[in-house]
Amino acid sequence: MIKEGSLQDFSLPDLLQILALGEATGTLSLRSEGRLGQVILSRGQVIAATAGERSGEDAAADLFLWTTGVFDFLDGSPVSEEGLGLSLESISQEGLRRLERRRAVLEELPTYFSSRTWVHPMQMYQATPPALLTALGSGKTFTDLARVAALSELELLEELARLYREDQIGFSCAPEELLRQLFTTIACELFNQFSSISGVKMVDGLENRLNEEARAAALSLRWRGGKVQDNLPQAWNKEQLLLAYRPQLLILNDFIAKVYGPAFVQRIVQPLLEGAPAPQIALWNELSATPHPQS
């Protein structure tokens, strides 16, 4: 039975299926970006769930949207079996439906949008800011707004998408957040394009090389299945992130270029940068620059 791990390795749907098959009794706790959630099970059946202030099947379905963070499972009988009979099938269907809704909504928002993106009125000094921001406050991140909103995170996301379509709000990111997203997007695309036309041995060799470099540098970066799990401290500044990301990008570029040539790498990266805003282009120039040797 899995006792703890990352939500990037084991999604909530997978965890609930494993616990149901094992007829587990206990509490599954989830922590993601400052949020806390719990699912309580008895003999593999979900009997209660919480996600922040929300509870019941609604909370359990909302937890499906938590795709980053960590979890742990504590064995032990629940204090009460009140509510026994919550349908795992119903929870899973609704949770997966919400995941699909979120994917569709995110396609309407800027590519850099994340839980740490700031939300503000399109015209900072407009006479009548959107009612949502009047009630919750401007200049907050999506996570900040979600903590104080009466809406679920998905409902809040849909409302922000509507306001964005109507040009009532805008989004912005700290350079550190833009850099994290830029590295993840380009590094994962390079790896996936390489793996799509390469043999298993070469793909495993690249993944092992990236993980070895991260371990040697004591960095919380890990590659698994063509995706990078970035658990670097949120408080790191841009220079610290650049020092962590550059060696990983260099390994990717060199490894792939030796097999398929530098032009292959360029053909992958260039479309990802086309139409990118100036701050992202500037960050890419810094990220991809070869550091000068220290004297």
Protein backbone atom coordinates (compact mmCIF):
# COMPACT_ATOMS: atom_id res chain seq x y z
CA MET A 1 0.00 0.00 0.00
CA ILE A 2 1.36 3.45 -0.96
CA LYS A 3 1.77 5.58 2.16
CA GLU A 4 3.13 8.84 0.77
CA GLY A 5 4.32 10.44 -2.43
CA SER A 6 3.84 13.13 -5.05
CA LEU A 7 0.60 13.93 -6.85
CA GLN A 8 2.68 14.22 -10.00
CA ASP A 9 3.50 10.53 -9.69
CA PHE A 10 0.11 9.32 -8.43
CA SER A 11 -2.98 11.32 -9.31
CA LEU A 12 -5.98 11.33 -6.99
CA PRO A 13 -8.00 9.04 -9.32
CA ASP A 14 -5.15 6.51 -9.23
CA LEU A 15 -4.82 6.76 -5.45
CA LEU A 16 -8.53 6.25 -4.83
CA GLN A 17 -8.56 3.20 -7.08
CA ILE A 18 -5.56 1.71 -5.28
CA LEU A 19 -7.10 2.36 -1.86
CA ALA A 20 -10.45 0.95 -2.97
CA LEU A 21 -8.87 -2.23 -4.33
CA GLY A 22 -6.93 -2.62 -1.08
CA GLU A 23 -10.09 -2.02 0.97
CA ALA A 24 -8.09 0.55 2.93
CA THR A 25 -9.36 2.28 6.05
CA GLY A 26 -7.82 5.60 7.05
CA THR A 27 -7.23 9.20 5.99
CA LEU A 28 -5.65 10.36 2.73
CA SER A 29 -4.24 13.87 3.26
CA LEU A 30 -3.24 16.13 0.36
CA ARG A 31 -1.17 19.33 0.39
CA SER A 32 -0.90 21.48 -2.70
CA GLU A 33 0.27 25.10 -2.95
CA GLY A 34 -0.76 25.95 0.59
CA ARG A 35 -4.08 24.11 0.34
CA LEU A 36 -5.11 21.17 2.52
CA GLY A 37 -7.52 18.40 1.60
CA GLN A 38 -8.59 15.06 3.04
CA VAL A 39 -10.41 11.96 1.90
CA ILE A 40 -11.54 9.54 4.63
CA LEU A 41 -12.09 5.92 3.69
CA SER A 42 -13.56 2.89 5.40
CA ARG A 43 -12.82 -0.52 3.85
CA GLY A 44 -12.04 1.19 0.55
CA GLN A 45 -15.22 3.29 0.48
CA VAL A 46 -15.09 7.10 0.59
CA ILE A 47 -17.12 8.29 3.58
CA ALA A 48 -16.04 11.94 3.82
CA ALA A 49 -13.91 14.52 2.05
CA THR A 50 -12.81 18.11 2.59
CA ALA A 51 -11.08 20.65 0.36
CA GLY A 52 -10.54 23.89 2.24
CA GLU A 53 -14.00 24.93 3.40
CA ARG A 54 -15.83 22.57 1.05
CA SER A 55 -16.92 19.08 2.03
CA GLY A 56 -18.62 15.95 0.73
CA GLU A 57 -18.68 14.72 -2.87
CA ASP A 58 -18.24 18.28 -4.12
CA ALA A 59 -14.95 18.58 -2.23
CA ALA A 60 -13.79 15.14 -3.37
CA ALA A 61 -14.41 16.07 -7.01
CA ASP A 62 -12.59 19.38 -6.53
CA LEU A 63 -9.53 17.52 -5.25
CA PHE A 64 -9.18 15.95 -8.71
CA LEU A 65 -7.98 19.39 -9.86
CA TRP A 66 -4.98 19.21 -7.51
CA THR A 67 -2.34 17.84 -9.87
CA THR A 68 0.74 19.04 -7.96
CA GLY A 69 1.71 18.60 -4.34
CA VAL A 70 2.17 15.69 -1.96
CA PHE A 71 0.01 13.15 -0.19
CA ASP A 72 0.20 10.72 2.71
CA PHE A 73 -2.11 7.97 3.93
CA LEU A 74 -2.59 7.25 7.63
CA ASP A 75 -4.14 3.92 8.55
CA GLY A 76 -6.82 3.90 11.20
CA SER A 77 -10.56 3.66 11.68
CA PRO A 78 -12.46 6.93 11.26
CA VAL A 79 -14.07 8.43 14.33
CA SER A 80 -17.47 8.04 12.72
CA GLU A 81 -18.78 6.24 9.67
CA GLU A 82 -21.46 8.85 9.18
CA GLY A 83 -22.03 9.43 5.49
CA LEU A 84 -20.94 5.91 4.56
CA GLY A 85 -21.81 5.21 0.95
CA LEU A 86 -20.34 8.10 -1.04
CA SER A 87 -20.04 6.74 -4.55
CA LEU A 88 -16.46 6.44 -5.77
CA GLU A 89 -17.78 6.05 -9.32
CA SER A 90 -19.84 9.22 -9.01
CA ILE A 91 -16.94 11.14 -7.46
CA SER A 92 -14.56 9.96 -10.19
CA GLN A 93 -16.96 10.83 -13.01
CA GLU A 94 -17.55 14.34 -11.64
CA GLY A 95 -13.86 14.86 -10.88
CA LEU A 96 -12.81 13.86 -14.40
CA ARG A 97 -15.55 16.06 -15.86
CA ARG A 98 -14.15 19.03 -13.91
CA LEU A 99 -10.65 18.25 -15.14
CA GLU A 100 -11.91 18.42 -18.73
CA ARG A 101 -13.74 21.68 -18.02
CA ARG A 102 -10.58 23.16 -16.54
CA ARG A 103 -8.50 22.12 -19.58
CA ALA A 104 -11.02 23.84 -21.85
CA VAL A 105 -11.05 27.03 -19.77
CA LEU A 106 -7.26 27.20 -19.59
CA GLU A 107 -7.11 27.21 -23.38
CA GLU A 108 -8.89 30.59 -23.27
CA LEU A 109 -6.32 32.12 -20.92
CA PRO A 110 -2.72 33.23 -21.55
CA THR A 111 -0.25 30.37 -21.77
CA TYR A 112 1.60 31.71 -18.72
CA PHE A 113 -1.50 31.54 -16.50
CA SER A 114 -0.98 29.54 -13.31
CA SER A 115 -2.14 29.50 -9.72
CA ARG A 116 0.53 32.12 -8.97
CA THR A 117 -0.56 34.55 -11.73
CA TRP A 118 -1.65 37.99 -10.51
CA VAL A 119 -5.15 39.18 -11.43
CA HIS A 120 -5.94 42.88 -11.85
CA PRO A 121 -8.40 45.17 -13.68
CA MET A 122 -7.46 45.79 -17.29
CA GLN A 123 -7.50 49.52 -16.55
CA MET A 124 -5.96 49.86 -13.12
CA TYR A 125 -7.85 53.07 -12.39
CA GLN A 126 -11.13 52.35 -14.12
CA ALA A 127 -14.15 53.85 -12.36
CA THR A 128 -15.97 50.55 -11.94
CA PRO A 129 -13.70 47.51 -11.48
CA PRO A 130 -15.29 44.08 -12.01
CA ALA A 131 -17.57 43.15 -9.12
CA LEU A 132 -15.52 40.03 -8.42
CA LEU A 133 -12.34 42.03 -7.82
CA THR A 134 -14.23 44.70 -5.89
CA ALA A 135 -15.38 41.98 -3.52
CA LEU A 136 -12.17 39.96 -3.31
CA GLY A 137 -9.48 42.53 -4.04
CA SER A 138 -7.15 43.34 -6.94
CA GLY A 139 -3.51 42.45 -7.35
CA LYS A 140 -3.92 39.00 -5.83
CA THR A 141 -2.81 35.70 -7.29
CA PHE A 142 -5.35 33.14 -8.40
CA THR A 143 -4.54 31.10 -5.28
CA ASP A 144 -5.13 34.17 -3.07
CA LEU A 145 -8.52 34.76 -4.70
CA ALA A 146 -9.48 31.09 -4.37
CA ARG A 147 -8.84 31.19 -0.62
CA VAL A 148 -11.39 33.97 -0.04
CA ALA A 149 -13.91 33.32 -2.83
CA ALA A 150 -17.22 31.62 -2.14
CA LEU A 151 -16.83 29.94 -5.55
CA SER A 152 -15.07 26.66 -6.15
CA GLU A 153 -11.69 26.95 -7.87
CA LEU A 154 -13.21 25.81 -11.17
CA GLU A 155 -16.09 28.29 -10.89
CA LEU A 156 -13.60 31.05 -10.08
CA LEU A 157 -11.47 30.07 -13.08
CA GLU A 158 -14.51 30.15 -15.37
CA GLU A 159 -15.50 33.59 -14.06
CA LEU A 160 -11.98 34.93 -14.61
CA ALA A 161 -12.02 33.53 -18.15
CA ARG A 162 -15.29 35.35 -18.83
CA LEU A 163 -13.89 38.64 -17.49
CA TYR A 164 -10.73 38.13 -19.55
CA ARG A 165 -12.75 37.55 -22.74
CA GLU A 166 -14.59 40.81 -22.03
CA ASP A 167 -11.29 42.68 -21.51
CA GLN A 168 -12.23 43.54 -17.95
CA ILE A 169 -9.19 41.95 -16.31
CA GLY A 170 -5.57 41.24 -17.11
CA PHE A 171 -2.94 38.85 -15.80
CA SER A 172 0.72 39.23 -15.00
CA CYS A 173 3.48 37.05 -13.58
CA ALA A 174 6.63 37.57 -11.60
CA PRO A 175 9.78 36.87 -13.67
CA GLU A 176 10.44 33.81 -11.50
CA GLU A 177 7.07 32.30 -12.36
CA LEU A 178 7.49 33.04 -16.08
CA LEU A 179 10.91 31.41 -15.95
CA ARG A 180 9.57 28.26 -14.28
CA GLN A 181 6.87 27.93 -16.93
CA LEU A 182 9.26 28.68 -19.79
CA PHE A 183 11.75 26.03 -18.69
CA THR A 184 9.06 23.40 -18.11
CA THR A 185 7.38 24.02 -21.47
CA ILE A 186 10.53 23.98 -23.60
CA ALA A 187 12.37 21.23 -21.69
CA CYS A 188 9.38 18.86 -21.77
CA GLU A 189 8.74 19.51 -25.46
CA LEU A 190 12.37 18.81 -26.31
CA PHE A 191 12.27 15.55 -24.35
CA ASN A 192 8.92 14.44 -25.82
CA GLN A 193 9.88 15.19 -29.42
CA PHE A 194 13.14 13.31 -28.93
CA SER A 195 11.43 10.31 -27.32
CA SER A 196 8.79 10.13 -30.05
CA ILE A 197 11.39 9.14 -32.66
CA SER A 198 14.05 7.49 -30.50
CA GLY A 199 14.56 4.04 -29.04
CA VAL A 200 13.87 3.15 -25.42
CA LYS A 201 17.57 2.87 -24.61
CA MET A 202 18.32 6.41 -25.80
CA VAL A 203 15.27 7.86 -24.04
CA ASP A 204 16.18 6.14 -20.77
CA GLY A 205 19.76 7.35 -21.18
CA LEU A 206 18.63 10.96 -21.48
CA GLU A 207 16.26 10.72 -18.52
CA ASN A 208 18.93 9.09 -16.36
CA ARG A 209 21.46 11.75 -17.33
CA LEU A 210 19.07 14.56 -16.35
CA ASN A 211 18.22 12.93 -13.03
CA GLU A 212 21.88 12.26 -12.25
CA GLU A 213 22.76 15.92 -12.83
CA ALA A 214 19.91 17.08 -10.59
CA ARG A 215 20.92 14.68 -7.80
CA ALA A 216 24.58 15.69 -8.03
CA ALA A 217 23.57 19.35 -7.68
CA ALA A 218 21.13 18.50 -4.83
CA LEU A 219 18.23 19.99 -6.79
CA SER A 220 14.58 19.04 -6.34
CA LEU A 221 14.15 18.35 -10.05
CA ARG A 222 13.16 14.90 -11.24
CA TRP A 223 12.33 13.52 -14.67
CA ARG A 224 9.75 10.78 -15.04
CA GLY A 225 7.93 9.70 -18.19
CA GLY A 226 9.10 12.70 -20.21
CA LYS A 227 7.95 15.30 -17.66
CA VAL A 228 9.99 17.28 -15.20
CA GLN A 229 8.78 17.60 -11.63
CA ASP A 230 9.91 20.97 -10.35
CA ASN A 231 9.93 21.15 -6.56
CA LEU A 232 12.49 23.91 -6.28
CA PRO A 233 11.70 26.34 -3.43
CA GLN A 234 9.03 28.89 -4.32
CA ALA A 235 11.10 31.60 -2.64
CA TRP A 236 14.01 31.21 -5.08
CA ASN A 237 14.81 34.28 -7.14
CA LYS A 238 15.46 34.41 -10.86
CA GLU A 239 19.24 33.98 -10.58
CA GLN A 240 18.89 30.87 -8.41
CA LEU A 241 16.44 29.36 -10.89
CA LEU A 242 18.70 30.14 -13.84
CA LEU A 243 21.59 28.35 -12.13
CA ALA A 244 19.37 25.30 -11.60
CA TYR A 245 17.78 25.20 -15.05
CA ARG A 246 20.75 25.97 -17.32
CA PRO A 247 22.62 22.66 -16.78
CA GLN A 248 19.40 20.71 -17.45
CA LEU A 249 18.75 22.61 -20.66
CA LEU A 250 22.38 22.18 -21.73
CA ILE A 251 22.14 18.40 -21.24
CA LEU A 252 18.95 18.27 -23.30
CA ASN A 253 20.38 20.38 -26.12
CA ASP A 254 23.71 18.53 -26.30
CA PHE A 255 22.23 15.03 -26.00
CA ILE A 256 19.59 15.62 -28.69
CA ALA A 257 21.88 17.61 -31.00
CA LYS A 258 24.47 14.82 -31.00
CA VAL A 259 21.85 12.42 -32.34
CA TYR A 260 19.72 14.57 -34.66
CA GLY A 261 21.74 17.76 -35.09
CA PRO A 262 21.35 21.34 -33.77
CA ALA A 263 18.76 22.18 -36.42
CA PHE A 264 16.40 19.57 -34.94
CA VAL A 265 16.56 21.31 -31.56
CA GLN A 266 15.95 24.69 -33.18
CA ARG A 267 12.88 23.42 -35.04
CA ILE A 268 11.34 22.36 -31.73
CA VAL A 269 12.16 25.49 -29.76
CA GLN A 270 11.39 28.18 -32.35
CA PRO A 271 7.60 27.62 -32.62
CA LEU A 272 7.32 27.75 -28.82
CA LEU A 273 8.84 31.23 -28.82
CA GLU A 274 6.88 32.66 -31.76
CA GLY A 275 4.47 35.29 -30.53
CA ALA A 276 5.83 35.09 -26.99
CA PRO A 277 5.77 38.40 -25.08
CA ALA A 278 9.00 40.35 -24.74
CA PRO A 279 9.59 39.36 -21.07
CA GLN A 280 9.54 35.67 -21.99
CA ILE A 281 11.93 36.21 -24.91
CA ALA A 282 14.30 38.06 -22.58
CA LEU A 283 14.12 35.22 -20.06
CA TRP A 284 14.82 32.67 -22.80
CA ASN A 285 17.89 34.62 -23.87
CA GLU A 286 19.15 34.48 -20.28
CA LEU A 287 18.25 30.82 -19.83
CA SER A 288 19.85 29.65 -23.06
CA ALA A 289 22.97 31.82 -22.73
CA THR A 290 26.21 29.92 -22.18
CA PRO A 291 27.57 31.07 -18.81
CA HIS A 292 31.02 32.62 -18.86
CA PRO A 293 33.67 30.49 -17.13
CA GLN A 294 34.70 31.88 -13.77
CA SER A 295 38.21 33.23 -13.60
